[in-house]
N, C-alpha and C. Protein backbone atom coordinates (compact mmCIF):
# COMPACT_ATOMS: atom_id res chain seq x y z
N MET A 1 8.29 0.06 -19.10
CA MET A 1 7.15 1.50 -19.04
C MET A 1 8.30 1.76 -18.09
N SER A 2 9.00 3.34 -18.15
CA SER A 2 9.11 3.95 -17.05
C SER A 2 8.54 4.28 -15.98
N ALA A 3 8.83 4.27 -14.85
CA ALA A 3 7.85 4.65 -13.93
C ALA A 3 8.23 6.31 -13.47
N PRO A 4 7.31 6.98 -13.42
CA PRO A 4 7.49 8.63 -13.33
C PRO A 4 7.65 9.01 -11.94
N THR A 5 8.98 9.39 -11.66
CA THR A 5 9.35 9.96 -10.32
C THR A 5 9.11 11.02 -10.27
N GLU A 6 8.90 12.26 -10.88
CA GLU A 6 8.77 13.31 -10.37
C GLU A 6 7.88 14.26 -9.02
N PRO A 7 6.60 13.41 -9.59
CA PRO A 7 5.74 13.67 -8.36
C PRO A 7 5.96 13.50 -7.31
N PHE A 8 6.83 12.56 -6.79
CA PHE A 8 6.65 11.76 -5.41
C PHE A 8 8.19 12.24 -5.03
N SER A 9 8.72 13.14 -5.60
CA SER A 9 9.83 13.64 -4.73
C SER A 9 10.17 14.14 -3.46
N ALA A 10 10.91 14.87 -2.75
CA ALA A 10 10.91 14.81 -1.47
C ALA A 10 9.93 16.21 -1.45
N ALA A 11 9.76 17.14 -2.33
CA ALA A 11 8.93 18.44 -1.83
C ALA A 11 7.86 17.44 -1.75
N TYR A 12 7.34 16.62 -2.58
CA TYR A 12 5.40 15.51 -2.25
C TYR A 12 5.68 15.68 -0.84
N TYR A 13 6.45 14.79 -0.30
CA TYR A 13 6.52 14.45 1.35
C TYR A 13 6.61 15.35 2.37
N SER A 14 6.89 16.83 1.96
CA SER A 14 6.69 17.92 2.86
C SER A 14 5.49 18.75 2.50
N THR A 15 4.69 18.48 1.74
CA THR A 15 2.95 18.88 1.43
C THR A 15 2.23 18.97 2.52
N ARG A 16 1.59 19.63 3.49
CA ARG A 16 0.34 19.91 4.54
C ARG A 16 0.30 18.15 4.55
N ASN A 17 -0.48 17.48 3.20
CA ASN A 17 -1.00 16.61 3.14
C ASN A 17 -0.35 14.98 4.25
N TYR A 18 0.99 15.30 3.75
CA TYR A 18 2.25 13.91 4.12
C TYR A 18 3.81 14.99 4.81
N ARG A 19 3.03 15.93 5.57
CA ARG A 19 4.06 16.48 6.79
C ARG A 19 4.82 16.03 7.59
N ASP A 20 3.39 15.10 8.23
CA ASP A 20 4.19 14.03 9.11
C ASP A 20 4.09 12.86 9.05
N TYR A 21 4.45 12.43 7.79
CA TYR A 21 4.46 10.99 6.96
C TYR A 21 5.83 10.52 7.42
N LEU A 22 6.76 11.25 7.28
CA LEU A 22 8.44 11.00 7.83
C LEU A 22 8.73 11.13 9.17
N THR A 23 7.73 11.45 9.91
CA THR A 23 7.84 11.37 11.77
C THR A 23 6.87 10.20 12.01
N ARG A 24 6.22 9.88 11.11
CA ARG A 24 4.96 8.47 12.03
C ARG A 24 5.54 7.65 12.27
N LYS A 25 5.13 7.07 13.27
CA LYS A 25 5.58 5.65 13.92
C LYS A 25 4.59 4.66 13.17
N PHE A 26 5.54 3.49 12.67
CA PHE A 26 4.57 2.64 12.36
C PHE A 26 4.18 1.13 13.23
N ASP A 27 4.64 1.22 14.55
CA ASP A 27 4.87 0.19 14.76
C ASP A 27 3.33 -0.68 15.51
N ALA A 28 2.40 0.39 15.96
CA ALA A 28 0.87 -0.07 16.10
C ALA A 28 0.00 -0.32 14.82
N LEU A 29 0.51 0.12 14.12
CA LEU A 29 0.44 -0.39 12.80
C LEU A 29 0.30 -1.53 11.83
N ALA A 30 1.84 -1.76 12.36
CA ALA A 30 2.62 -3.63 11.97
C ALA A 30 1.69 -3.97 12.71
N ARG A 31 1.48 -4.13 14.28
CA ARG A 31 1.04 -5.08 14.69
C ARG A 31 -0.22 -5.37 14.70
N ASP A 32 -1.30 -4.38 13.77
CA ASP A 32 -2.88 -4.18 13.71
C ASP A 32 -2.81 -5.08 12.37
N ILE A 33 -2.08 -4.76 11.00
CA ILE A 33 -2.09 -5.16 10.48
C ILE A 33 -1.88 -6.69 9.81
N ILE A 34 -1.29 -7.18 10.93
CA ILE A 34 -0.86 -8.72 10.32
C ILE A 34 -1.41 -9.98 10.90
N PRO A 35 -2.04 -10.28 9.93
CA PRO A 35 -3.31 -11.81 10.85
C PRO A 35 -2.93 -12.86 11.26
N CYS A 36 -3.53 -13.10 12.29
CA CYS A 36 -3.02 -14.16 13.09
C CYS A 36 -2.39 -15.21 12.91
N THR A 37 -2.57 -15.71 11.83
CA THR A 37 -2.33 -16.89 11.00
C THR A 37 -1.11 -17.15 10.37
N LEU A 38 -0.15 -15.49 10.02
CA LEU A 38 0.61 -15.31 9.55
C LEU A 38 2.53 -15.61 10.42
N LEU A 39 2.60 -16.22 9.93
CA LEU A 39 4.34 -16.69 10.69
C LEU A 39 5.32 -16.03 10.29
N LEU A 40 6.59 -15.97 11.22
CA LEU A 40 7.57 -15.02 11.28
C LEU A 40 8.52 -15.46 9.84
N THR A 41 8.43 -16.41 9.29
CA THR A 41 8.75 -16.69 8.04
C THR A 41 8.41 -16.79 6.78
N ASP A 42 6.59 -16.46 6.98
CA ASP A 42 5.90 -15.82 5.83
C ASP A 42 6.79 -14.48 5.08
N PRO A 43 7.07 -14.84 3.75
CA PRO A 43 6.83 -13.58 2.79
C PRO A 43 6.25 -12.65 3.21
N ILE A 44 6.84 -11.52 3.41
CA ILE A 44 5.52 -10.01 3.30
C ILE A 44 6.31 -8.84 1.82
N LEU A 45 5.21 -8.67 1.29
CA LEU A 45 5.69 -7.49 0.13
C LEU A 45 4.60 -6.22 0.73
N ASP A 46 5.46 -5.23 0.88
CA ASP A 46 4.31 -3.66 1.14
C ASP A 46 4.90 -3.23 -0.38
N PHE A 47 3.95 -2.87 -1.27
CA PHE A 47 3.76 -2.82 -2.57
C PHE A 47 3.64 -1.27 -2.36
N GLY A 48 4.34 -0.03 -2.72
CA GLY A 48 3.92 1.37 -2.85
C GLY A 48 4.32 1.24 -0.63
N CYS A 49 5.69 1.42 -0.40
CA CYS A 49 6.05 1.27 0.75
C CYS A 49 6.83 2.38 1.23
N GLY A 50 6.59 3.62 0.75
CA GLY A 50 7.44 5.15 0.65
C GLY A 50 8.48 5.08 0.94
N TYR A 51 9.31 5.12 2.69
CA TYR A 51 10.02 4.91 2.54
C TYR A 51 10.51 3.93 3.73
N GLY A 52 9.71 3.36 3.94
CA GLY A 52 10.02 1.69 4.49
C GLY A 52 9.00 2.09 6.04
N GLY A 53 8.73 2.86 6.02
CA GLY A 53 8.44 2.79 7.77
C GLY A 53 7.84 1.25 8.18
N LEU A 54 6.42 1.05 7.52
CA LEU A 54 6.23 -0.11 8.17
C LEU A 54 7.42 -1.38 7.59
N VAL A 55 8.10 -1.59 6.87
CA VAL A 55 8.72 -2.59 6.83
C VAL A 55 9.23 -2.53 7.63
N ASN A 56 9.73 -1.01 8.47
CA ASN A 56 11.14 -1.49 9.18
C ASN A 56 9.83 -2.04 10.66
N ALA A 57 9.29 -1.30 10.94
CA ALA A 57 8.37 -1.61 11.71
C ALA A 57 7.93 -3.36 11.89
N LEU A 58 7.85 -3.73 10.78
CA LEU A 58 7.41 -5.55 10.50
C LEU A 58 9.24 -6.12 11.06
N TRP A 59 9.85 -5.49 10.56
CA TRP A 59 11.55 -6.56 10.97
C TRP A 59 11.63 -6.26 12.24
N ASN A 60 11.13 -5.01 12.93
CA ASN A 60 11.24 -5.19 14.53
C ASN A 60 10.62 -5.99 14.73
N LEU A 61 9.60 -6.54 13.97
CA LEU A 61 8.20 -7.50 14.71
C LEU A 61 9.35 -9.02 14.44
N ARG A 62 10.44 -9.52 14.14
CA ARG A 62 11.25 -10.30 13.47
C ARG A 62 10.34 -10.64 12.23
N TYR A 63 9.14 -10.13 11.70
CA TYR A 63 9.24 -10.63 10.18
C TYR A 63 10.17 -10.44 9.44
N GLN A 64 11.47 -11.51 9.18
CA GLN A 64 12.19 -11.36 8.64
C GLN A 64 11.91 -11.79 7.25
N THR A 65 11.55 -12.02 6.14
CA THR A 65 11.01 -12.04 5.01
C THR A 65 10.02 -10.79 4.56
N ILE A 66 10.73 -9.63 4.17
CA ILE A 66 9.95 -8.84 3.88
C ILE A 66 10.67 -7.85 2.90
N ARG A 67 9.93 -7.15 1.94
CA ARG A 67 10.03 -6.89 1.00
C ARG A 67 9.17 -5.41 0.77
N GLY A 68 10.06 -4.50 0.13
CA GLY A 68 9.41 -3.17 -0.39
C GLY A 68 9.20 -2.56 -1.09
N THR A 69 8.27 -1.71 -2.16
CA THR A 69 9.17 -1.27 -3.47
C THR A 69 8.08 0.09 -3.54
N ASP A 70 8.69 0.81 -4.12
CA ASP A 70 7.76 2.23 -3.88
C ASP A 70 8.07 2.67 -5.74
N ILE A 71 7.40 4.10 -5.60
CA ILE A 71 7.49 4.26 -7.03
C ILE A 71 8.11 5.55 -7.08
N SER A 72 8.74 6.05 -5.82
CA SER A 72 9.52 7.29 -5.60
C SER A 72 10.78 6.79 -5.65
N GLN A 73 11.44 7.90 -6.56
CA GLN A 73 12.88 6.57 -5.81
C GLN A 73 13.87 7.57 -4.80
N TRP A 74 13.18 9.02 -4.48
CA TRP A 74 13.26 9.86 -3.41
C TRP A 74 13.30 8.51 -2.17
N ALA A 75 11.81 8.33 -2.25
CA ALA A 75 11.33 7.49 -1.25
C ALA A 75 12.66 6.55 -0.32
N ILE A 76 12.67 5.95 -1.56
CA ILE A 76 13.30 4.71 -1.41
C ILE A 76 14.65 4.93 -0.69
N GLU A 77 15.50 5.85 -1.77
CA GLU A 77 16.78 6.50 -1.09
C GLU A 77 16.52 7.08 0.20
N GLU A 78 15.88 7.42 0.65
CA GLU A 78 15.07 8.05 2.52
C GLU A 78 15.17 7.02 3.46
N GLY A 79 14.82 6.02 2.68
CA GLY A 79 14.77 4.89 3.04
C GLY A 79 16.19 3.83 3.64
N HIS A 80 16.73 3.71 2.70
CA HIS A 80 18.43 3.20 2.36
C HIS A 80 19.11 3.90 3.66
N ARG A 81 18.92 5.33 3.79
CA ARG A 81 19.52 6.27 4.63
C ARG A 81 18.79 6.06 6.11
N ARG A 82 17.84 5.85 6.26
CA ARG A 82 17.22 5.63 7.55
C ARG A 82 17.20 4.30 7.93
N PHE A 83 17.53 3.46 7.30
CA PHE A 83 17.06 1.88 7.40
C PHE A 83 18.40 1.20 6.83
N PRO A 84 19.41 1.07 6.86
CA PRO A 84 20.85 0.71 6.59
C PRO A 84 20.28 -0.83 5.91
N HIS A 85 20.02 -1.26 7.05
CA HIS A 85 19.85 -2.53 7.25
C HIS A 85 18.69 -3.09 5.92
N LEU A 86 17.66 -2.26 5.89
CA LEU A 86 16.64 -2.68 4.83
C LEU A 86 17.37 -2.81 3.61
N ARG A 87 18.19 -1.82 3.24
CA ARG A 87 19.07 -1.55 1.83
C ARG A 87 18.35 -2.46 0.77
N GLU A 88 18.97 -3.97 1.04
CA GLU A 88 18.61 -5.18 0.31
C GLU A 88 16.92 -5.21 -0.40
N ARG A 89 15.98 -4.57 1.32
CA ARG A 89 15.12 -5.18 0.92
C ARG A 89 14.18 -3.78 0.67
N LEU A 90 14.56 -2.64 0.14
CA LEU A 90 13.68 -2.03 -0.01
C LEU A 90 14.19 -1.29 -1.47
N GLN A 91 13.34 -1.46 -2.67
CA GLN A 91 13.73 -1.20 -3.83
C GLN A 91 12.44 -0.03 -4.76
N TYR A 92 13.61 0.62 -5.57
CA TYR A 92 12.92 1.27 -6.38
C TYR A 92 12.00 0.15 -7.68
N TYR A 93 10.72 1.10 -7.43
CA TYR A 93 9.64 0.11 -8.16
C TYR A 93 9.29 -0.91 -9.16
N ASN A 94 9.74 -2.07 -8.20
CA ASN A 94 9.62 -3.29 -9.05
C ASN A 94 8.43 -3.85 -9.09
N ARG A 95 7.29 -3.97 -10.04
CA ARG A 95 6.92 -4.61 -10.36
C ARG A 95 6.46 -6.40 -10.36
N ASP A 96 7.82 -6.56 -10.87
CA ASP A 96 8.11 -8.19 -10.87
C ASP A 96 7.90 -8.61 -9.04
N LEU A 97 8.08 -8.04 -8.35
CA LEU A 97 8.25 -8.90 -6.66
C LEU A 97 6.66 -9.18 -6.65
N LEU A 98 5.32 -8.58 -7.44
CA LEU A 98 4.36 -8.93 -6.86
C LEU A 98 4.00 -10.57 -7.73
N ARG A 99 4.99 -10.57 -8.78
CA ARG A 99 4.82 -12.33 -9.00
C ARG A 99 5.31 -13.52 -7.89
N GLN A 100 6.50 -13.04 -7.27
CA GLN A 100 6.80 -13.93 -6.29
C GLN A 100 5.64 -13.98 -5.31
N PRO A 101 5.88 -15.15 -4.49
CA PRO A 101 5.36 -15.60 -3.95
C PRO A 101 5.03 -14.80 -2.49
N HIS A 102 4.31 -14.45 -2.48
CA HIS A 102 4.05 -13.70 -0.78
C HIS A 102 2.95 -13.94 0.21
N ALA A 103 2.88 -14.44 1.11
CA ALA A 103 1.54 -14.71 2.45
C ALA A 103 0.80 -13.93 2.34
N LEU A 104 1.41 -12.46 2.36
CA LEU A 104 0.82 -11.54 2.68
C LEU A 104 1.54 -10.37 1.88
N ILE A 105 0.07 -9.35 1.15
CA ILE A 105 0.79 -8.08 0.04
C ILE A 105 -0.39 -7.14 0.53
N LEU A 106 0.75 -6.36 0.88
CA LEU A 106 0.29 -4.66 1.37
C LEU A 106 0.24 -3.70 0.35
N MET A 107 -1.25 -2.90 -0.06
CA MET A 107 -1.33 -2.05 -0.57
C MET A 107 -2.10 -0.48 0.18
N LEU A 108 -1.16 0.17 0.65
CA LEU A 108 -2.09 1.15 1.48
C LEU A 108 -1.81 2.47 1.16
N ASP A 109 -2.69 3.05 0.71
CA ASP A 109 -2.69 4.28 0.24
C ASP A 109 -1.86 4.68 -1.12
N VAL A 110 -2.04 3.65 -2.23
CA VAL A 110 -1.02 3.17 -3.21
C VAL A 110 -1.82 3.36 -4.16
N LEU A 111 -3.33 2.85 -4.39
CA LEU A 111 -4.13 2.55 -5.97
C LEU A 111 -4.35 3.94 -6.66
N GLU A 112 -4.92 4.34 -5.36
CA GLU A 112 -5.16 5.93 -5.61
C GLU A 112 -4.51 6.77 -6.46
N HIS A 113 -3.50 6.84 -6.39
CA HIS A 113 -2.39 7.04 -7.29
C HIS A 113 -2.40 6.68 -8.68
N MET A 114 -2.58 5.59 -9.08
CA MET A 114 -2.79 5.11 -10.47
C MET A 114 -4.04 5.05 -11.39
N PRO A 115 -3.67 5.47 -12.85
CA PRO A 115 -4.75 5.42 -13.69
C PRO A 115 -5.10 4.31 -13.37
N GLU A 116 -6.66 3.41 -14.15
CA GLU A 116 -6.98 2.21 -14.17
C GLU A 116 -6.36 1.14 -15.08
N TYR A 117 -6.14 1.33 -15.74
CA TYR A 117 -5.04 0.31 -16.75
C TYR A 117 -3.49 -0.30 -15.94
N GLU A 118 -3.31 0.46 -14.90
CA GLU A 118 -2.37 0.26 -13.76
C GLU A 118 -3.00 -0.49 -13.03
N ILE A 119 -3.83 0.08 -12.43
CA ILE A 119 -4.59 -0.97 -11.04
C ILE A 119 -4.80 -2.29 -11.89
N GLU A 120 -5.86 -1.88 -12.72
CA GLU A 120 -5.91 -3.90 -13.10
C GLU A 120 -4.74 -4.43 -13.55
N SER A 121 -3.61 -4.14 -14.28
CA SER A 121 -2.14 -4.67 -14.51
C SER A 121 -1.59 -5.10 -12.95
N VAL A 122 -1.43 -4.48 -12.07
CA VAL A 122 -0.82 -4.09 -10.66
C VAL A 122 -2.11 -5.40 -9.87
N LEU A 123 -2.91 -5.24 -10.59
CA LEU A 123 -3.70 -6.17 -9.21
C LEU A 123 -3.62 -7.71 -9.58
N LYS A 124 -3.59 -7.95 -11.39
CA LYS A 124 -3.76 -8.61 -11.97
C LYS A 124 -2.07 -9.97 -11.34
N LEU A 125 -1.09 -8.98 -11.20
CA LEU A 125 -0.08 -9.58 -11.34
C LEU A 125 0.14 -10.12 -9.77
N ALA A 126 -0.32 -9.09 -8.75
CA ALA A 126 -0.43 -9.32 -7.24
C ALA A 126 -1.06 -10.61 -6.74
N ARG A 127 -2.36 -11.12 -8.03
CA ARG A 127 -3.20 -12.04 -8.01
C ARG A 127 -2.02 -13.36 -8.06
N THR A 128 -1.26 -13.72 -9.16
CA THR A 128 -0.36 -14.49 -9.21
C THR A 128 0.74 -14.57 -8.38
N GLY A 129 1.05 -13.85 -7.50
CA GLY A 129 1.65 -14.17 -6.34
C GLY A 129 1.57 -14.14 -5.29
N CYS A 130 -0.24 -13.23 -4.84
CA CYS A 130 -0.83 -13.56 -3.22
C CYS A 130 -1.30 -15.11 -3.09
N THR A 131 -0.19 -15.66 -1.99
CA THR A 131 -0.47 -17.35 -1.25
C THR A 131 -0.97 -16.85 -0.32
N GLY A 132 -1.29 -15.74 0.09
CA GLY A 132 -2.39 -15.68 1.44
C GLY A 132 -3.56 -14.44 1.22
N SER A 133 -3.03 -13.43 1.55
CA SER A 133 -4.21 -12.12 1.68
C SER A 133 -3.44 -11.22 0.95
N LEU A 134 -4.24 -10.57 0.33
CA LEU A 134 -3.86 -8.87 0.08
C LEU A 134 -4.54 -7.71 1.21
N THR A 135 -3.56 -6.62 1.48
CA THR A 135 -4.81 -6.14 2.23
C THR A 135 -4.48 -4.84 1.52
N VAL A 136 -5.69 -3.72 1.79
CA VAL A 136 -5.54 -2.77 0.86
C VAL A 136 -6.25 -1.68 1.46
N ARG A 137 -5.34 -0.34 1.72
CA ARG A 137 -6.55 1.07 2.13
C ARG A 137 -6.67 1.86 1.36
N ILE A 138 -7.84 2.28 0.61
CA ILE A 138 -8.10 3.50 -0.74
C ILE A 138 -8.85 4.32 -0.24
N PRO A 139 -8.90 5.43 -0.34
CA PRO A 139 -9.82 6.61 -0.01
C PRO A 139 -10.80 6.05 -1.33
N VAL A 140 -12.01 6.34 -0.88
CA VAL A 140 -12.89 6.00 -1.66
C VAL A 140 -14.07 7.96 -1.68
N SER A 141 -15.20 7.64 -3.04
CA SER A 141 -15.72 8.29 -3.28
C SER A 141 -17.32 7.94 -2.65
N ALA A 142 -18.23 8.35 -2.29
CA ALA A 142 -19.81 8.00 -1.79
C ALA A 142 -20.37 7.22 -3.18
N MET A 143 -20.02 8.19 -4.10
CA MET A 143 -21.16 7.90 -5.11
C MET A 143 -19.56 8.01 -6.54
N GLU A 144 -20.13 7.40 -7.36
CA GLU A 144 -19.47 7.60 -8.85
C GLU A 144 -19.12 9.04 -9.45
N GLY A 145 -18.26 9.38 -9.61
CA GLY A 145 -18.18 10.65 -10.04
C GLY A 145 -18.00 11.52 -9.34
N GLU A 146 -18.39 11.31 -8.21
CA GLU A 146 -18.11 12.39 -7.22
C GLU A 146 -16.66 12.66 -6.33
N PRO A 147 -16.31 13.43 -5.78
CA PRO A 147 -15.28 13.55 -5.19
C PRO A 147 -14.52 12.70 -4.34
N PHE A 148 -13.64 12.52 -4.16
CA PHE A 148 -13.46 11.48 -2.63
C PHE A 148 -14.24 12.24 -1.45
N VAL A 149 -14.81 11.41 -0.45
CA VAL A 149 -15.67 11.65 0.64
C VAL A 149 -14.30 12.88 1.79
N LEU A 150 -13.70 12.36 2.04
CA LEU A 150 -12.71 12.93 2.75
C LEU A 150 -11.73 14.26 1.97
N PRO A 151 -12.28 15.08 2.65
CA PRO A 151 -11.10 16.69 2.14
C PRO A 151 -9.71 16.58 1.94
N VAL A 152 -9.03 15.41 2.70
CA VAL A 152 -7.48 15.21 2.58
C VAL A 152 -7.25 14.57 1.58
N SER A 153 -7.91 13.55 1.54
CA SER A 153 -7.85 12.74 0.00
C SER A 153 -8.03 13.58 -1.37
N ASN A 154 -9.03 14.46 -1.19
CA ASN A 154 -8.95 15.70 -2.40
C ASN A 154 -7.87 16.42 -2.50
N ASN A 155 -6.84 16.82 -1.36
CA ASN A 155 -6.20 17.77 -1.39
C ASN A 155 -5.04 17.32 -2.20
N ASP A 156 -4.93 15.97 -2.54
CA ASP A 156 -3.76 14.96 -3.25
C ASP A 156 -4.17 15.58 -4.57
N PRO A 157 -3.18 16.35 -5.49
CA PRO A 157 -3.58 16.04 -6.96
C PRO A 157 -2.91 14.96 -7.62
N THR A 158 -2.35 13.79 -6.62
CA THR A 158 -2.18 12.71 -7.26
C THR A 158 -3.02 12.01 -7.16
N HIS A 159 -3.95 12.01 -6.78
CA HIS A 159 -4.58 10.81 -6.15
C HIS A 159 -5.61 10.82 -7.79
N ILE A 160 -5.59 10.24 -8.16
CA ILE A 160 -6.42 10.27 -9.37
C ILE A 160 -7.13 9.11 -10.26
N ALA A 161 -7.39 8.22 -9.12
CA ALA A 161 -7.99 7.27 -9.35
C ALA A 161 -9.17 7.16 -8.08
N CYS A 162 -10.41 8.12 -8.28
CA CYS A 162 -11.15 8.46 -7.63
C CYS A 162 -12.85 7.48 -7.54
N HIS A 163 -13.08 6.64 -7.10
CA HIS A 163 -14.54 5.49 -7.45
C HIS A 163 -15.18 5.17 -5.67
N THR A 164 -15.69 4.41 -5.88
CA THR A 164 -16.45 3.97 -4.95
C THR A 164 -16.23 2.78 -3.94
N LYS A 165 -16.53 2.12 -2.82
CA LYS A 165 -16.13 1.17 -2.54
C LYS A 165 -16.38 0.09 -3.88
N ALA A 166 -18.10 -0.15 -3.83
CA ALA A 166 -18.24 -1.47 -5.45
C ALA A 166 -17.50 -1.19 -6.56
N TRP A 167 -16.79 0.38 -6.63
CA TRP A 167 -16.37 0.04 -8.11
C TRP A 167 -14.68 -0.53 -7.40
N TRP A 168 -14.38 -0.56 -6.52
CA TRP A 168 -12.79 -1.25 -6.07
C TRP A 168 -13.57 -2.40 -5.67
N PHE A 169 -14.25 -2.91 -5.20
CA PHE A 169 -14.42 -4.38 -4.58
C PHE A 169 -14.72 -4.87 -6.35
N ALA A 170 -15.43 -4.44 -7.52
CA ALA A 170 -15.54 -5.11 -8.72
C ALA A 170 -14.30 -5.28 -9.11
N ALA A 171 -13.82 -4.60 -8.81
CA ALA A 171 -11.78 -4.71 -9.59
C ALA A 171 -11.18 -5.34 -9.24
N LEU A 172 -11.51 -5.69 -8.05
CA LEU A 172 -10.67 -7.09 -7.30
C LEU A 172 -11.16 -8.16 -7.65
N SER A 173 -12.13 -8.05 -7.63
CA SER A 173 -13.12 -9.30 -8.01
C SER A 173 -12.32 -9.98 -9.61
N ALA A 174 -12.20 -8.87 -10.66
CA ALA A 174 -12.15 -9.09 -11.52
C ALA A 174 -11.02 -9.49 -11.60
N ALA A 175 -9.65 -9.24 -11.03
CA ALA A 175 -8.59 -9.85 -10.80
C ALA A 175 -8.34 -10.82 -10.37
N GLY A 176 -9.25 -11.41 -9.48
CA GLY A 176 -9.37 -12.52 -9.00
C GLY A 176 -9.41 -13.05 -7.74
N PHE A 177 -9.65 -11.58 -6.55
CA PHE A 177 -9.68 -11.76 -5.05
C PHE A 177 -11.05 -12.06 -4.92
N THR A 178 -10.98 -12.20 -3.72
CA THR A 178 -12.73 -12.55 -2.71
C THR A 178 -12.33 -11.62 -1.45
N PRO A 179 -12.96 -10.76 -1.10
CA PRO A 179 -13.30 -10.32 -0.12
C PRO A 179 -13.49 -11.27 1.53
N SER A 180 -12.24 -11.04 2.34
CA SER A 180 -12.21 -11.86 3.12
C SER A 180 -12.82 -11.17 4.81
N SER A 181 -11.82 -9.81 4.76
CA SER A 181 -12.75 -9.23 5.77
C SER A 181 -12.21 -8.13 5.88
N GLN A 182 -13.53 -6.83 6.46
CA GLN A 182 -12.69 -5.77 6.42
C GLN A 182 -12.08 -5.17 8.00
N LEU A 183 -11.35 -4.26 8.02
CA LEU A 183 -10.21 -3.76 9.33
C LEU A 183 -11.03 -3.36 9.83
N ALA A 184 -10.70 -2.75 11.57
CA ALA A 184 -11.18 -2.33 12.11
C ALA A 184 -10.53 -2.03 13.38
N THR A 185 -9.30 -1.62 13.39
CA THR A 185 -8.47 -1.26 14.44
C THR A 185 -8.29 -0.12 14.98
N SER A 186 -7.89 0.08 15.65
CA SER A 186 -7.15 1.71 16.07
C SER A 186 -6.48 2.38 14.81
N THR A 187 -5.70 1.55 14.17
CA THR A 187 -4.91 2.36 13.07
C THR A 187 -5.00 1.83 11.85
N ILE A 188 -5.92 1.34 11.44
CA ILE A 188 -6.34 1.04 10.21
C ILE A 188 -8.34 0.52 10.22
N TYR A 189 -8.95 1.17 9.25
CA TYR A 189 -10.09 0.78 10.22
C TYR A 189 -10.92 1.08 8.55
N ASP A 190 -11.77 0.44 8.12
CA ASP A 190 -13.17 0.82 7.31
C ASP A 190 -13.73 2.16 7.91
N SER A 191 -14.37 2.58 6.77
CA SER A 191 -14.65 3.88 7.17
C SER A 191 -15.56 4.70 5.74
N PRO A 192 -16.92 5.28 5.87
CA PRO A 192 -17.50 5.89 4.90
C PRO A 192 -16.60 6.31 3.60
N GLY A 193 -15.26 7.28 3.83
CA GLY A 193 -14.61 7.55 3.41
C GLY A 193 -13.08 6.27 2.70
N VAL A 194 -13.00 5.42 3.56
CA VAL A 194 -11.73 4.70 3.46
C VAL A 194 -12.17 2.97 3.08
N LEU A 195 -11.97 2.32 2.06
CA LEU A 195 -11.68 1.01 1.96
C LEU A 195 -10.70 0.43 2.59
N ALA A 196 -10.66 -0.24 3.79
CA ALA A 196 -9.96 -1.00 4.15
C ALA A 196 -10.61 -2.36 5.09
N ALA A 197 -9.32 -3.08 4.07
CA ALA A 197 -10.30 -4.65 3.96
C ALA A 197 -9.11 -5.34 3.26
N SER A 198 -9.28 -6.83 3.67
CA SER A 198 -8.61 -7.66 3.12
C SER A 198 -9.12 -8.35 2.48
N PHE A 199 -8.65 -9.63 1.32
CA PHE A 199 -8.83 -10.41 0.56
C PHE A 199 -7.96 -11.30 -0.09
N THR A 200 -8.31 -12.57 -0.17
CA THR A 200 -7.60 -13.49 -0.61
C THR A 200 -7.72 -14.27 -1.56
């Protein structure tokens, strides 16, 4: 299956929703998202990494076995430009990375961009390679069939999977994941409009 890249071009990242994304600092998020048990040698995958800002922040924290992949060819090329030291670590949409062992898989603000059949497939692939935990951040609706709770989530036309937290927990459970903790830090936290949690 060829991945559609057109919706996630430079124009997408210049919209009001994402205007600050290209200047965002990821250092605090990197510190917040790492489980205390993770070793510097443990492999990490950022699935839906954008231009690789979080990958670079984790690299700066000395997590050297880290890779990122994204469906946006433009974002990956931008990452190569910004972070030439990560050129081999930032890859255009490579789902096969999910099959490889990773102590931590990150899917932050990515699953809502996928149709349900793709969500099911990606989560099943992630289960095969996840040797530790999967951390997700997903905008949600309060009731199934309603819009997202947060207006900013409704403003993005590429957000096509709008579901409740219960729906997402069921989808993750069907793929073989078990909830381990909700996240509550200054940079990533569970709220009525966002599911932010780790699964094993």
